[in-house]
Amino acid sequence: MIYYEIGSTELELNADDLKKGLFEALEKMGKKQKVLAIPPDYTRLPSRAGELTEFAWQYYGEALTDVLPALGTHSPMTGHQISHMFGSLPASLIREHDWRNDVVTLGNVPAEFVKEVSGGAVEFPWPAQVNKLLVEGNFDLILSIGQVVPHEVVGMANYNKNIFVGTGGVEGINKSHFVGAAYGMERMMGHADTPVRRIFNYASEHFTQHLPIVYVQTVVGLDKKDGIVKTRGMFIGDDYEVFDKAAQLALLVNFDLLEKPLKKIVVYLDPTEFKSTWLGNKSVYRTRMAIADEGELIILAPALKEFGEDKEIDRLIRKYGYFGTPQTLKACDENEELRKNLSAAAHLIHGSSEGRFSITYCPGKGPENLTQAEIESVGFKYADIDKMTVKYNPAKLRDGYNTMPDGEEIFYISNPALGLWAFKDKFKY
């Protein structure tokens, strides 16, 4: 059922609005003795999930005993990130998800179902894995908090993805990523109903009914008029309907359908959020349907220091690189280590332009940053960030079309995690 819903493309929800709406929903649920909150990590800072988690703690007090950021494969949050994102929430409540060791398998989605929904792209059973805290913690409420936004693996992020990937295990994360890559992310991005989502929904219906999960979902986007990030909706409930309503609004808020393909896109990666190509390649994922053949994607990445946030995935990216689907699938066939890390293989496919357009990374120049040799070794082009920032200064560019002093037209994106861009002939509703 839906406990609370509000949203439109013109709405602007402030912190008081979010707090009031959340408290109204929590009141309807009745008194709770032990509560777990599962927000995203720092990579989803604009989601407002940090504030909502803090509000949940203010409402429940000592009854909110654990906060498990949905790290998935991401690096654990630092003390600074925790205090910045969650405010006055006690850091002692934070639990660290270990996707390699801290999971239990609730059940398996049958291989024949996976084959059916993926159109025959893959055929293997999919394990519904979650952090053992969800099962062993004896909670009478699990609040899954996050943002619904276009996503490269599942079509639209959040809802049960926050559970099965955010708190998931190696096999579940690897296989779900590979399903999306094999099926084709350009067929899924911006869609709520996708093969991966159907697999997650099967798992929810069959394996998590005993878990008291309620979803708190925001829709957040960049206002094209003033360039300010605004919260357009919040939807709270315990079933698919609450996700579907949020996804419908997110498609309107976060999706930019373009009249013509773009010859040059410049993307800026905020150094507080983007330190790896694992995250920074959202620049590739979210714009690939907008870039013209032989087009150019330039990524200004001042904090880029690694490829994968997980050390093993980082090693695999360095070894196999972003060289396209055929080469990646061949590497999978020939190398067991890649077959055992299918999320890495999927990421290598996602992050390649398949030779259709060029991808140029411009990392910072500190001792911790990736070097030109490292960038080029995985299949990307390299450019000097100082020279590129002089030419394409993020402080002077506005989101969308910009005409440079020399007459060159570029398309600028200040945060690729907040949207999806596509040439209208590339996107099928």
Protein backbone atom coordinates (compact mmCIF):
# COMPACT_ATOMS: atom_id res chain seq x y z
CA MET A 1 0.00 0.00 0.00
CA ILE A 2 0.97 3.66 -0.37
CA TYR A 3 1.38 5.56 2.89
CA TYR A 4 2.27 8.92 1.36
CA GLU A 5 2.66 10.41 -2.09
CA ILE A 6 3.31 13.85 -3.46
CA GLY A 7 4.95 14.89 -6.70
CA SER A 8 4.88 16.95 -9.88
CA THR A 9 7.38 18.44 -12.30
CA GLU A 10 6.84 21.91 -10.81
CA LEU A 11 6.91 20.96 -7.14
CA GLU A 12 9.78 22.08 -4.88
CA LEU A 13 9.97 20.11 -1.63
CA ASN A 14 12.12 21.55 1.14
CA ALA A 15 13.42 19.79 4.26
CA ASP A 16 10.32 20.66 6.27
CA ASP A 17 8.09 19.21 3.54
CA LEU A 18 10.08 15.97 3.52
CA LYS A 19 10.03 15.71 7.30
CA LYS A 20 6.31 16.35 7.52
CA GLY A 21 5.52 13.80 4.79
CA LEU A 22 7.76 11.15 6.30
CA PHE A 23 6.33 11.62 9.79
CA GLU A 24 2.80 11.38 8.38
CA ALA A 25 3.64 8.05 6.74
CA LEU A 26 5.40 6.68 9.81
CA GLU A 27 2.44 7.62 11.98
CA LYS A 28 0.15 5.55 9.75
CA MET A 29 2.39 2.52 10.23
CA GLY A 30 1.95 2.51 13.99
CA LYS A 31 4.44 2.07 16.80
CA LYS A 32 7.66 0.17 16.04
CA GLN A 33 10.07 -1.44 18.48
CA LYS A 34 13.14 -1.96 16.30
CA VAL A 35 13.87 -0.19 13.01
CA LEU A 36 16.57 -0.57 10.36
CA ALA A 37 17.19 2.20 7.82
CA ILE A 38 18.84 1.40 4.46
CA PRO A 39 19.79 4.65 2.71
CA PRO A 40 22.16 4.92 -0.24
CA ASP A 41 25.79 5.87 0.33
CA TYR A 42 27.53 9.15 -0.42
CA THR A 43 27.42 8.53 -4.18
CA ARG A 44 23.69 9.39 -3.99
CA LEU A 45 24.15 12.57 -1.96
CA PRO A 46 21.58 14.67 -3.93
CA SER A 47 18.86 12.06 -3.25
CA ARG A 48 17.86 13.73 0.07
CA ALA A 49 18.09 10.25 1.59
CA GLY A 50 20.58 11.51 4.15
CA GLU A 51 18.10 14.01 5.56
CA LEU A 52 15.29 11.47 5.46
CA THR A 53 17.39 8.98 7.42
CA GLU A 54 18.14 11.66 9.98
CA PHE A 55 14.42 12.49 10.19
CA ALA A 56 13.59 8.81 10.71
CA TRP A 57 16.05 8.74 13.62
CA GLN A 58 14.44 11.89 15.06
CA TYR A 59 11.05 10.19 14.85
CA TYR A 60 11.99 6.80 16.29
CA GLY A 61 14.82 7.72 18.61
CA GLU A 62 16.38 4.64 20.22
CA ALA A 63 14.02 2.37 18.27
CA LEU A 64 16.09 3.08 15.14
CA THR A 65 18.96 0.79 16.08
CA ASP A 66 20.87 0.33 12.81
CA VAL A 67 21.63 2.24 9.60
CA LEU A 68 23.03 0.13 6.76
CA PRO A 69 24.13 2.26 3.79
CA ALA A 70 23.42 0.36 0.57
CA LEU A 71 27.04 0.22 -0.56
CA GLY A 72 26.74 -2.59 -3.08
CA THR A 73 30.28 -2.73 -4.47
CA HIS A 74 31.17 0.84 -3.42
CA SER A 75 33.81 1.87 -0.90
CA PRO A 76 32.71 2.24 2.75
CA MET A 77 31.69 5.74 3.78
CA THR A 78 34.25 7.90 5.54
CA GLY A 79 33.57 9.74 8.79
CA HIS A 80 33.31 13.02 6.90
CA GLN A 81 30.85 11.56 4.40
CA ILE A 82 28.70 10.14 7.21
CA SER A 83 28.47 13.44 9.07
CA HIS A 84 27.93 15.44 5.88
CA MET A 85 25.18 13.18 4.56
CA PHE A 86 23.37 12.19 7.77
CA GLY A 87 23.77 15.32 9.88
CA SER A 88 23.11 14.75 13.59
CA LEU A 89 22.52 11.00 13.18
CA PRO A 90 24.94 9.21 15.56
CA ALA A 91 27.78 7.63 13.59
CA SER A 92 27.58 4.68 16.00
CA LEU A 93 24.40 3.56 14.21
CA ILE A 94 26.19 3.05 10.87
CA ARG A 95 26.82 -0.54 9.78
CA GLU A 96 29.20 -1.37 6.94
CA HIS A 97 27.96 -3.72 4.22
CA ASP A 98 30.50 -6.29 3.01
CA TRP A 99 29.19 -7.69 -0.27
CA ARG A 100 31.68 -10.56 -0.22
CA ASN A 101 31.04 -11.91 3.28
CA ASP A 102 27.96 -10.50 5.02
CA VAL A 103 25.13 -11.93 2.93
CA VAL A 104 22.54 -14.68 3.04
CA THR A 105 20.61 -16.15 0.10
CA LEU A 106 16.82 -15.97 0.50
CA GLY A 107 16.03 -18.07 -2.58
CA ASN A 108 16.76 -18.45 -6.27
CA VAL A 109 14.84 -17.04 -9.23
CA PRO A 110 14.59 -19.98 -11.68
CA ALA A 111 16.86 -20.03 -14.73
CA GLU A 112 13.88 -20.49 -17.03
CA PHE A 113 12.30 -17.28 -15.69
CA VAL A 114 15.56 -15.37 -16.17
CA LYS A 115 15.78 -16.69 -19.73
CA GLU A 116 12.19 -15.74 -20.46
CA VAL A 117 12.36 -12.14 -19.22
CA SER A 118 15.78 -11.52 -20.81
CA GLY A 119 14.57 -12.69 -24.20
CA GLY A 120 17.03 -15.55 -24.13
CA ALA A 121 20.04 -13.28 -23.53
CA VAL A 122 21.08 -15.31 -20.49
CA GLU A 123 19.98 -18.49 -18.76
CA PHE A 124 21.03 -19.01 -15.17
CA PRO A 125 19.28 -18.95 -11.79
CA TRP A 126 19.55 -15.64 -9.94
CA PRO A 127 20.16 -15.70 -6.16
CA ALA A 128 18.24 -13.18 -4.07
CA GLN A 129 20.97 -12.16 -1.63
CA VAL A 130 20.76 -9.57 1.15
CA ASN A 131 22.87 -8.51 4.07
CA LYS A 132 22.29 -10.96 6.92
CA LEU A 133 21.34 -8.07 9.22
CA LEU A 134 17.99 -7.79 7.42
CA VAL A 135 17.16 -11.39 8.30
CA GLU A 136 18.83 -11.81 11.67
CA GLY A 137 18.12 -8.37 13.14
CA ASN A 138 14.50 -9.09 14.14
CA PHE A 139 13.30 -5.71 12.89
CA ASP A 140 9.63 -4.84 12.77
CA LEU A 141 10.33 -2.15 10.15
CA ILE A 142 13.00 -1.88 7.45
CA LEU A 143 13.01 1.55 5.78
CA SER A 144 14.60 1.44 2.32
CA ILE A 145 15.34 5.07 1.50
CA GLY A 146 16.53 6.43 -1.85
CA GLN A 147 16.01 8.15 -5.18
CA VAL A 148 14.27 6.86 -8.29
CA VAL A 149 16.34 7.95 -11.30
CA PRO A 150 17.30 6.46 -14.68
CA HIS A 151 19.86 3.67 -14.27
CA GLU A 152 22.07 1.66 -16.60
CA VAL A 153 21.64 -1.78 -14.98
CA VAL A 154 17.98 -1.92 -14.00
CA GLY A 155 16.37 0.89 -16.04
CA MET A 156 15.24 2.98 -13.08
CA ALA A 157 17.18 2.91 -9.82
CA ASN A 158 15.81 2.18 -6.38
CA TYR A 159 12.84 0.22 -5.00
CA ASN A 160 14.00 -3.39 -4.50
CA LYS A 161 17.33 -2.69 -6.25
CA ASN A 162 18.30 -0.86 -3.06
CA ILE A 163 17.85 -4.18 -1.24
CA PHE A 164 19.10 -6.79 -3.71
CA VAL A 165 22.06 -4.79 -5.05
CA GLY A 166 22.69 -2.21 -2.34
CA THR A 167 22.84 -4.89 0.36
CA GLY A 168 23.41 -7.79 -2.03
CA GLY A 169 26.18 -10.34 -2.47
CA VAL A 170 28.78 -11.20 -5.06
CA GLU A 171 26.76 -13.62 -7.16
CA GLY A 172 23.53 -11.62 -7.08
CA ILE A 173 25.22 -8.34 -8.00
CA ASN A 174 27.41 -9.91 -10.66
CA LYS A 175 24.58 -11.74 -12.38
CA SER A 176 22.09 -8.86 -12.26
CA HIS A 177 24.63 -6.52 -13.86
CA PHE A 178 25.38 -9.07 -16.54
CA VAL A 179 21.69 -9.62 -17.36
CA GLY A 180 21.36 -5.90 -18.06
CA ALA A 181 24.50 -5.79 -20.18
CA ALA A 182 23.57 -8.90 -22.19
CA TYR A 183 20.03 -7.66 -22.79
CA GLY A 184 21.28 -4.17 -23.73
CA MET A 185 21.28 -1.16 -21.46
CA GLU A 186 20.07 1.15 -24.23
CA ARG A 187 16.89 -0.95 -24.30
CA MET A 188 16.40 -0.46 -20.57
CA MET A 189 17.56 2.96 -19.39
CA GLY A 190 14.61 5.13 -18.43
CA HIS A 191 12.19 2.19 -18.28
CA ALA A 192 10.59 0.92 -15.08
CA ASP A 193 9.68 -2.48 -16.55
CA THR A 194 12.90 -4.26 -17.55
CA PRO A 195 14.27 -7.82 -17.37
CA VAL A 196 16.38 -7.01 -14.30
CA ARG A 197 13.44 -5.35 -12.55
CA ARG A 198 11.23 -8.35 -13.28
CA ILE A 199 13.84 -10.61 -11.71
CA PHE A 200 13.97 -8.38 -8.62
CA ASN A 201 10.17 -8.29 -8.46
CA TYR A 202 10.00 -12.09 -8.63
CA ALA A 203 12.43 -12.23 -5.72
CA SER A 204 10.40 -9.70 -3.73
CA GLU A 205 7.18 -11.60 -4.27
CA HIS A 206 8.62 -15.00 -3.43
CA PHE A 207 11.42 -14.42 -0.92
CA THR A 208 10.98 -11.18 1.06
CA GLN A 209 7.36 -11.23 2.13
CA HIS A 210 8.49 -11.98 5.70
CA LEU A 211 10.66 -8.85 5.78
CA PRO A 212 8.82 -5.64 6.85
CA ILE A 213 10.24 -3.43 4.08
CA VAL A 214 8.77 -0.01 3.37
CA TYR A 215 10.22 2.15 0.57
CA VAL A 216 10.81 5.88 0.96
CA GLN A 217 11.59 7.22 -2.52
CA THR A 218 12.40 10.69 -3.77
CA VAL A 219 12.47 12.15 -7.26
CA VAL A 220 15.20 14.78 -7.60
CA GLY A 221 16.34 16.64 -10.68
CA LEU A 222 18.16 19.66 -12.03
CA ASP A 223 15.91 22.60 -12.83
CA LYS A 224 16.68 23.57 -16.42
CA LYS A 225 15.65 27.17 -15.78
CA ASP A 226 17.96 28.05 -12.90
CA GLY A 227 20.36 25.09 -12.73
CA ILE A 228 19.41 24.25 -9.13
CA VAL A 229 18.82 20.68 -7.95
CA LYS A 230 15.24 20.37 -6.68
CA THR A 231 13.17 17.65 -5.07
CA ARG A 232 10.03 17.09 -7.12
CA GLY A 233 8.38 14.22 -5.29
CA MET A 234 8.33 11.71 -2.45
CA PHE A 235 6.54 8.37 -2.49
CA ILE A 236 6.31 6.04 0.52
CA GLY A 237 4.85 2.54 0.41
CA ASP A 238 5.49 -1.19 0.53
CA ASP A 239 4.77 -2.49 -2.98
CA TYR A 240 5.47 -2.02 -6.68
CA GLU A 241 2.85 0.72 -7.11
CA VAL A 242 4.88 3.18 -5.06
CA PHE A 243 7.91 2.60 -7.28
CA ASP A 244 5.88 2.82 -10.48
CA LYS A 245 4.47 6.22 -9.53
CA ALA A 246 7.91 7.55 -8.62
CA ALA A 247 9.36 6.18 -11.88
CA GLN A 248 6.69 7.91 -13.96
CA LEU A 249 7.61 11.24 -12.39
CA ALA A 250 11.36 10.55 -12.67
CA LEU A 251 10.99 10.01 -16.41
CA LEU A 252 9.57 13.53 -16.70
CA VAL A 253 12.06 15.12 -14.29
CA ASN A 254 15.31 13.34 -15.13
CA PHE A 255 15.02 12.58 -18.84
CA ASP A 256 16.08 14.98 -21.59
CA LEU A 257 14.86 13.93 -25.04
CA LEU A 258 16.82 15.77 -27.71
CA GLU A 259 15.86 16.81 -31.24
CA LYS A 260 19.30 16.00 -32.70
CA PRO A 261 22.35 13.89 -31.78
CA LEU A 262 25.10 15.77 -29.96
CA LYS A 263 28.54 16.14 -31.53
CA LYS A 264 30.35 17.11 -28.34
CA ILE A 265 29.35 16.61 -24.72
CA VAL A 266 31.36 17.93 -21.77
CA VAL A 267 30.64 16.34 -18.38
CA TYR A 268 31.91 17.55 -15.02
CA LEU A 269 32.43 15.04 -12.20
CA ASP A 270 32.11 16.67 -8.78
CA PRO A 271 35.21 15.69 -6.78
CA THR A 272 33.17 15.00 -3.66
CA GLU A 273 31.20 12.28 -5.47
CA PHE A 274 33.23 10.86 -8.33
CA LYS A 275 36.62 9.28 -7.67
CA SER A 276 36.41 6.19 -9.91
CA THR A 277 35.39 5.27 -13.44
CA TRP A 278 33.04 2.75 -11.80
CA LEU A 279 30.95 5.80 -10.88
CA GLY A 280 32.31 8.34 -13.34
CA ASN A 281 31.26 6.25 -16.31
CA LYS A 282 27.73 7.44 -15.67
CA SER A 283 29.02 10.11 -18.04
CA VAL A 284 29.12 7.38 -20.69
CA TYR A 285 26.03 5.41 -19.69
CA ARG A 286 23.65 8.33 -19.40
CA THR A 287 24.73 10.15 -22.57
CA ARG A 288 25.43 7.29 -25.01
CA MET A 289 21.97 7.53 -26.59
CA ALA A 290 22.51 11.27 -27.18
CA ILE A 291 25.97 11.24 -28.78
CA ALA A 292 26.25 11.37 -32.56
CA ASP A 293 28.30 8.81 -34.48
CA GLU A 294 31.95 10.00 -34.44
CA GLY A 295 30.96 12.35 -31.62
CA GLU A 296 33.13 13.25 -28.63
CA LEU A 297 32.59 12.88 -24.89
CA ILE A 298 34.95 14.88 -22.67
CA ILE A 299 34.91 14.11 -18.95
CA LEU A 300 36.44 16.60 -16.51
CA ALA A 301 37.33 14.41 -13.52
CA PRO A 302 39.51 16.29 -11.01
CA ALA A 303 39.28 13.61 -8.28
CA LEU A 304 39.66 10.50 -10.45
CA LYS A 305 42.00 8.14 -8.60
CA GLU A 306 40.89 4.58 -9.45
CA PHE A 307 38.88 2.49 -11.87
CA GLY A 308 36.92 0.24 -9.51
CA GLU A 309 35.99 1.05 -5.92
CA ASP A 310 36.39 -2.63 -5.08
CA LYS A 311 40.08 -3.63 -5.29
CA GLU A 312 39.43 -6.82 -7.25
CA ILE A 313 37.16 -5.04 -9.73
CA ASP A 314 39.76 -2.30 -10.09
CA ARG A 315 42.35 -4.94 -10.97
CA LEU A 316 40.06 -6.54 -13.56
CA ILE A 317 39.28 -3.19 -15.21
CA ARG A 318 43.00 -2.45 -15.45
CA LYS A 319 43.64 -5.87 -16.98
CA TYR A 320 40.80 -6.09 -19.52
CA GLY A 321 39.84 -2.46 -20.23
CA TYR A 322 36.85 -0.84 -21.92
CA PHE A 323 37.24 -2.35 -25.39
CA GLY A 324 33.67 -3.21 -26.34
CA THR A 325 31.20 -6.06 -26.12
CA PRO A 326 32.84 -8.63 -28.45
CA GLN A 327 36.24 -8.36 -26.76
CA THR A 328 34.72 -8.44 -23.27
CA LEU A 329 32.62 -11.52 -24.01
CA LYS A 330 35.66 -13.21 -25.54
CA ALA A 331 37.62 -12.41 -22.37
CA CYS A 332 34.81 -13.93 -20.30
CA ASP A 333 34.94 -17.12 -22.32
CA GLU A 334 38.70 -17.39 -21.93
CA ASN A 335 39.19 -16.20 -18.33
CA GLU A 336 37.54 -17.70 -15.27
CA GLU A 337 38.39 -14.68 -13.12
CA LEU A 338 36.16 -12.49 -15.30
CA ARG A 339 33.38 -15.09 -15.39
CA LYS A 340 33.43 -15.04 -11.59
CA ASN A 341 33.07 -11.24 -11.61
CA LEU A 342 30.29 -10.63 -14.10
CA SER A 343 29.49 -7.18 -12.70
CA ALA A 344 32.98 -6.13 -13.77
CA ALA A 345 32.41 -7.63 -17.23
CA ALA A 346 29.08 -5.82 -17.49
CA HIS A 347 30.73 -2.56 -16.45
CA LEU A 348 33.39 -2.97 -19.15
CA ILE A 349 30.60 -3.29 -21.71
CA HIS A 350 28.66 -0.35 -20.30
CA GLY A 351 31.74 1.88 -20.27
CA SER A 352 32.75 1.28 -23.88
CA SER A 353 31.53 3.40 -26.77
CA GLU A 354 31.78 0.26 -28.97
CA GLY A 355 33.94 2.41 -31.24
CA ARG A 356 31.02 4.67 -32.13
CA PHE A 357 32.27 7.83 -30.38
CA SER A 358 35.39 8.89 -28.48
CA ILE A 359 35.68 9.10 -24.69
CA THR A 360 38.30 11.46 -23.25
CA TYR A 361 39.03 11.51 -19.52
CA CYS A 362 40.74 14.51 -17.91
CA PRO A 363 41.89 13.48 -14.41
CA GLY A 364 43.49 15.79 -11.86
CA LYS A 365 47.26 16.01 -11.55
CA GLY A 366 47.80 15.05 -7.91
CA PRO A 367 49.91 12.05 -6.89
CA GLU A 368 46.72 10.09 -6.14
CA ASN A 369 45.14 10.71 -9.57
CA LEU A 370 45.11 8.26 -12.46
CA THR A 371 47.88 8.99 -14.96
CA GLN A 372 47.73 9.42 -18.71
CA ALA A 373 49.25 5.97 -19.17
CA GLU A 374 46.63 4.38 -16.93
CA ILE A 375 43.76 6.17 -18.68
CA GLU A 376 44.97 5.15 -22.13
CA SER A 377 45.72 1.57 -21.07
CA VAL A 378 42.01 0.83 -20.56
CA GLY A 379 40.93 2.25 -23.90
CA PHE A 380 40.08 5.87 -23.12
CA LYS A 381 41.70 8.99 -24.54
CA TYR A 382 43.48 11.41 -22.22
CA ALA A 383 43.54 15.21 -22.17
CA ASP A 384 45.16 17.76 -19.86
CA ILE A 385 42.57 18.93 -17.32
CA ASP A 386 44.06 22.41 -17.00
CA LYS A 387 43.88 23.07 -20.72
CA MET A 388 40.42 21.57 -20.99
CA THR A 389 39.11 23.52 -18.00
CA VAL A 390 40.35 26.77 -19.56
CA LYS A 391 38.50 25.89 -22.75
CA TYR A 392 35.42 24.41 -21.04
CA ASN A 393 35.16 26.11 -17.66
CA PRO A 394 32.45 24.50 -15.48
CA ALA A 395 32.06 27.77 -13.59
CA LYS A 396 30.99 29.52 -16.79
CA LEU A 397 29.02 26.80 -18.55
CA ARG A 398 25.32 26.22 -18.08
CA ASP A 399 23.65 22.83 -18.27
CA GLY A 400 22.54 22.12 -21.81
CA TYR A 401 23.64 23.84 -25.01
CA ASN A 402 26.53 26.30 -24.92
CA THR A 403 28.16 28.24 -27.76
CA MET A 404 31.86 28.81 -27.11
CA PRO A 405 33.71 32.02 -28.05
CA ASP A 406 35.10 30.34 -31.18
CA GLY A 407 31.59 29.38 -32.28
CA GLU A 408 31.81 25.73 -31.25
CA GLU A 409 28.56 24.28 -29.87
CA ILE A 410 28.80 21.88 -26.94
CA PHE A 411 26.34 20.27 -24.57
CA TYR A 412 27.31 20.56 -20.89
CA ILE A 413 26.25 18.30 -18.01
CA SER A 414 27.18 19.24 -14.44
CA ASN A 415 26.11 15.94 -12.85
CA PRO A 416 25.51 12.82 -14.97
CA ALA A 417 23.98 10.94 -12.03
CA LEU A 418 20.89 13.15 -12.09
CA GLY A 419 19.63 12.44 -15.58
CA LEU A 420 19.41 10.58 -18.85
CA TRP A 421 19.93 12.15 -22.25
CA ALA A 422 18.88 10.67 -25.59
CA PHE A 423 18.29 11.61 -29.21
CA LYS A 424 14.57 11.11 -29.73
CA ASP A 425 15.06 8.50 -32.46
CA LYS A 426 17.22 6.41 -30.08
CA PHE A 427 14.69 6.10 -27.27
CA LYS A 428 11.66 3.83 -27.51
CA TYR A 429 8.84 4.31 -25.02
